[in-house]
Amino acid sequence: MEITSFILGVLAVIALAMVAITSVNYMTTKVLKKNIDNLNIASTHGFEDIYRQLENIQQQLYSRIDEVEQNVVSHTDSRVDKLENKVYSDLDIKRTQSRQY
């Protein structure tokens, strides 16, 4: 009878230990799942922020390219006009042609 009581006591302690370990593992798993979900949310927000910044930089770059293109065209047009005026004044082409018509 003593051995049966001893064995039942040991089995009861082992069962309680297994229940305690299972509880701890369940709680740890639950906390880890919550941390993983939070990391997923944070990474999603981070990626969205990066994409937004990339779009802003891209828009700024395109507007800067357009501005530089307009400046180049304006400068080139101005230089062509100056050259045209110089050619007309040096060769007096404009006056000669207008007299013929």
C-alpha atoms as a PDB file:
ATOM      1  CA  MET A   1       0.000   0.000   0.000  1.00  0.00           C
ATOM      2  CA  GLU A   2       2.846   2.351   0.761  1.00  0.00           C
ATOM      3  CA  ILE A   3       4.386   1.803  -2.652  1.00  0.00           C
ATOM      4  CA  THR A   4       1.047   2.433  -4.367  1.00  0.00           C
ATOM      5  CA  SER A   5       0.575   5.672  -2.436  1.00  0.00           C
ATOM      6  CA  PHE A   6       4.132   6.708  -3.229  1.00  0.00           C
ATOM      7  CA  ILE A   7       3.707   5.955  -6.951  1.00  0.00           C
ATOM      8  CA  LEU A   8       0.364   7.802  -7.054  1.00  0.00           C
ATOM      9  CA  GLY A   9       1.958  10.801  -5.300  1.00  0.00           C
ATOM     10  CA  VAL A  10       4.859  10.873  -7.751  1.00  0.00           C
ATOM     11  CA  LEU A  11       2.458  10.583 -10.687  1.00  0.00           C
ATOM     12  CA  ALA A  12       0.356  13.431  -9.238  1.00  0.00           C
ATOM     13  CA  VAL A  13       3.454  15.643  -8.938  1.00  0.00           C
ATOM     14  CA  ILE A  14       4.510  14.767 -12.484  1.00  0.00           C
ATOM     15  CA  ALA A  15       1.001  15.561 -13.759  1.00  0.00           C
ATOM     16  CA  LEU A  16       1.000  18.928 -11.960  1.00  0.00           C
ATOM     17  CA  ALA A  17       4.464  19.720 -13.351  1.00  0.00           C
ATOM     18  CA  MET A  18       3.290  18.879 -16.868  1.00  0.00           C
ATOM     19  CA  VAL A  19       0.216  21.108 -16.457  1.00  0.00           C
ATOM     20  CA  ALA A  20       2.410  23.951 -15.176  1.00  0.00           C
ATOM     21  CA  ILE A  21       4.921  23.556 -18.024  1.00  0.00           C
ATOM     22  CA  THR A  22       2.093  23.420 -20.581  1.00  0.00           C
ATOM     23  CA  SER A  23       0.610  26.635 -19.128  1.00  0.00           C
ATOM     24  CA  VAL A  24       3.955  28.419 -19.265  1.00  0.00           C
ATOM     25  CA  ASN A  25       4.518  27.277 -22.852  1.00  0.00           C
ATOM     26  CA  TYR A  26       1.029  28.401 -23.857  1.00  0.00           C
ATOM     27  CA  MET A  27       1.524  31.870 -22.329  1.00  0.00           C
ATOM     28  CA  THR A  28       4.966  32.204 -23.907  1.00  0.00           C
ATOM     29  CA  THR A  29       3.572  31.191 -27.295  1.00  0.00           C
ATOM     30  CA  LYS A  30       0.732  33.680 -26.913  1.00  0.00           C
ATOM     31  CA  VAL A  31       3.174  36.519 -26.074  1.00  0.00           C
ATOM     32  CA  LEU A  32       5.444  35.574 -28.984  1.00  0.00           C
ATOM     33  CA  LYS A  33       2.489  35.542 -31.406  1.00  0.00           C
ATOM     34  CA  LYS A  34       1.469  38.997 -30.207  1.00  0.00           C
ATOM     35  CA  ASN A  35       5.058  40.260 -30.675  1.00  0.00           C
ATOM     36  CA  ILE A  36       5.178  38.811 -34.193  1.00  0.00           C
ATOM     37  CA  ASP A  37       1.874  40.486 -35.063  1.00  0.00           C
ATOM     38  CA  ASN A  38       3.186  43.810 -33.732  1.00  0.00           C
ATOM     39  CA  LEU A  39       6.370  43.426 -35.787  1.00  0.00           C
ATOM     40  CA  ASN A  40       4.319  42.699 -38.913  1.00  0.00           C
ATOM     41  CA  ILE A  41       2.224  45.812 -38.334  1.00  0.00           C
ATOM     42  CA  ALA A  42       5.318  47.930 -37.663  1.00  0.00           C
ATOM     43  CA  SER A  43       7.074  46.640 -40.776  1.00  0.00           C
ATOM     44  CA  THR A  44       3.976  47.299 -42.880  1.00  0.00           C
ATOM     45  CA  HIS A  45       3.826  50.883 -41.615  1.00  0.00           C
ATOM     46  CA  GLY A  46       7.560  51.237 -42.211  1.00  0.00           C
ATOM     47  CA  PHE A  47       7.257  50.025 -45.801  1.00  0.00           C
ATOM     48  CA  GLU A  48       4.314  52.337 -46.437  1.00  0.00           C
ATOM     49  CA  ASP A  49       6.353  55.262 -45.096  1.00  0.00           C
ATOM     50  CA  ILE A  50       9.304  54.322 -47.295  1.00  0.00           C
ATOM     51  CA  TYR A  51       7.057  54.057 -50.377  1.00  0.00           C
ATOM     52  CA  ARG A  52       5.514  57.450 -49.566  1.00  0.00           C
ATOM     53  CA  GLN A  53       8.952  59.020 -49.232  1.00  0.00           C
ATOM     54  CA  LEU A  54      10.039  57.385 -52.481  1.00  0.00           C
ATOM     55  CA  GLU A  55       7.001  58.799 -54.294  1.00  0.00           C
ATOM     56  CA  ASN A  56       7.705  62.281 -52.888  1.00  0.00           C
ATOM     57  CA  ILE A  57      11.341  62.112 -53.957  1.00  0.00           C
ATOM     58  CA  GLN A  58      10.291  60.869 -57.388  1.00  0.00           C
ATOM     59  CA  GLN A  59       7.816  63.742 -57.782  1.00  0.00           C
ATOM     60  CA  GLN A  60      10.464  66.247 -56.679  1.00  0.00           C
ATOM     61  CA  LEU A  61      12.915  64.755 -59.155  1.00  0.00           C
ATOM     62  CA  TYR A  62      10.418  64.928 -62.021  1.00  0.00           C
ATOM     63  CA  SER A  63       9.540  68.538 -61.198  1.00  0.00           C
ATOM     64  CA  ARG A  64      13.234  69.435 -61.008  1.00  0.00           C
ATOM     65  CA  ILE A  65      13.842  67.743 -64.369  1.00  0.00           C
ATOM     66  CA  ASP A  66      10.950  69.722 -65.897  1.00  0.00           C
ATOM     67  CA  GLU A  67      12.316  72.953 -64.412  1.00  0.00           C
ATOM     68  CA  VAL A  68      15.815  72.303 -65.745  1.00  0.00           C
ATOM     69  CA  GLU A  69      14.398  71.362 -69.139  1.00  0.00           C
ATOM     70  CA  GLN A  70      12.437  74.627 -69.297  1.00  0.00           C
ATOM     71  CA  ASN A  71      15.551  76.576 -68.296  1.00  0.00           C
ATOM     72  CA  VAL A  72      17.630  74.840 -70.959  1.00  0.00           C
ATOM     73  CA  VAL A  73      15.025  75.498 -73.646  1.00  0.00           C
ATOM     74  CA  SER A  74      14.701  79.128 -72.569  1.00  0.00           C
ATOM     75  CA  HIS A  75      18.464  79.619 -72.514  1.00  0.00           C
ATOM     76  CA  THR A  76      18.911  77.927 -75.882  1.00  0.00           C
ATOM     77  CA  ASP A  77      16.086  79.978 -77.374  1.00  0.00           C
ATOM     78  CA  SER A  78      17.643  83.172 -76.037  1.00  0.00           C
ATOM     79  CA  ARG A  79      21.039  82.262 -77.482  1.00  0.00           C
ATOM     80  CA  VAL A  80      19.526  81.389 -80.863  1.00  0.00           C
ATOM     81  CA  ASP A  81      17.704  84.744 -80.914  1.00  0.00           C
ATOM     82  CA  LYS A  82      20.920  86.602 -80.078  1.00  0.00           C
ATOM     83  CA  LEU A  83      22.794  84.696 -82.770  1.00  0.00           C
ATOM     84  CA  GLU A  84      20.054  85.397 -85.278  1.00  0.00           C
ATOM     85  CA  ASN A  85      20.138  89.102 -84.456  1.00  0.00           C
ATOM     86  CA  LYS A  86      23.913  89.163 -84.743  1.00  0.00           C
ATOM     87  CA  VAL A  87      23.832  87.385 -88.111  1.00  0.00           C
ATOM     88  CA  TYR A  88      21.155  89.749 -89.395  1.00  0.00           C
ATOM     89  CA  SER A  89      22.989  92.829 -88.152  1.00  0.00           C
ATOM     90  CA  ASP A  90      26.410  91.707 -89.385  1.00  0.00           C
ATOM     91  CA  LEU A  91      25.291  90.626 -92.825  1.00  0.00           C
ATOM     92  CA  ASP A  92      22.381  93.028 -93.190  1.00  0.00           C
ATOM     93  CA  ILE A  93      20.363  90.135 -94.536  1.00  0.00           C
ATOM     94  CA  LYS A  94      17.129  91.239 -93.047  1.00  0.00           C
ATOM     95  CA  ARG A  95      17.116  94.646 -94.726  1.00  0.00           C
ATOM     96  CA  THR A  96      18.217  93.287 -98.051  1.00  0.00           C
ATOM     97  CA  GLN A  97      15.531  90.631 -98.076  1.00  0.00           C
ATOM     98  CA  SER A  98      12.803  93.025 -97.009  1.00  0.00           C
ATOM     99  CA  ARG A  99      13.661  95.419 -99.882  1.00  0.00           C
ATOM    100  CA  GLN A 100      13.294  92.641-102.439  1.00  0.00           C
ATOM    101  CA  TYR A 101       9.770  91.880-101.373  1.00  0.00           C
END
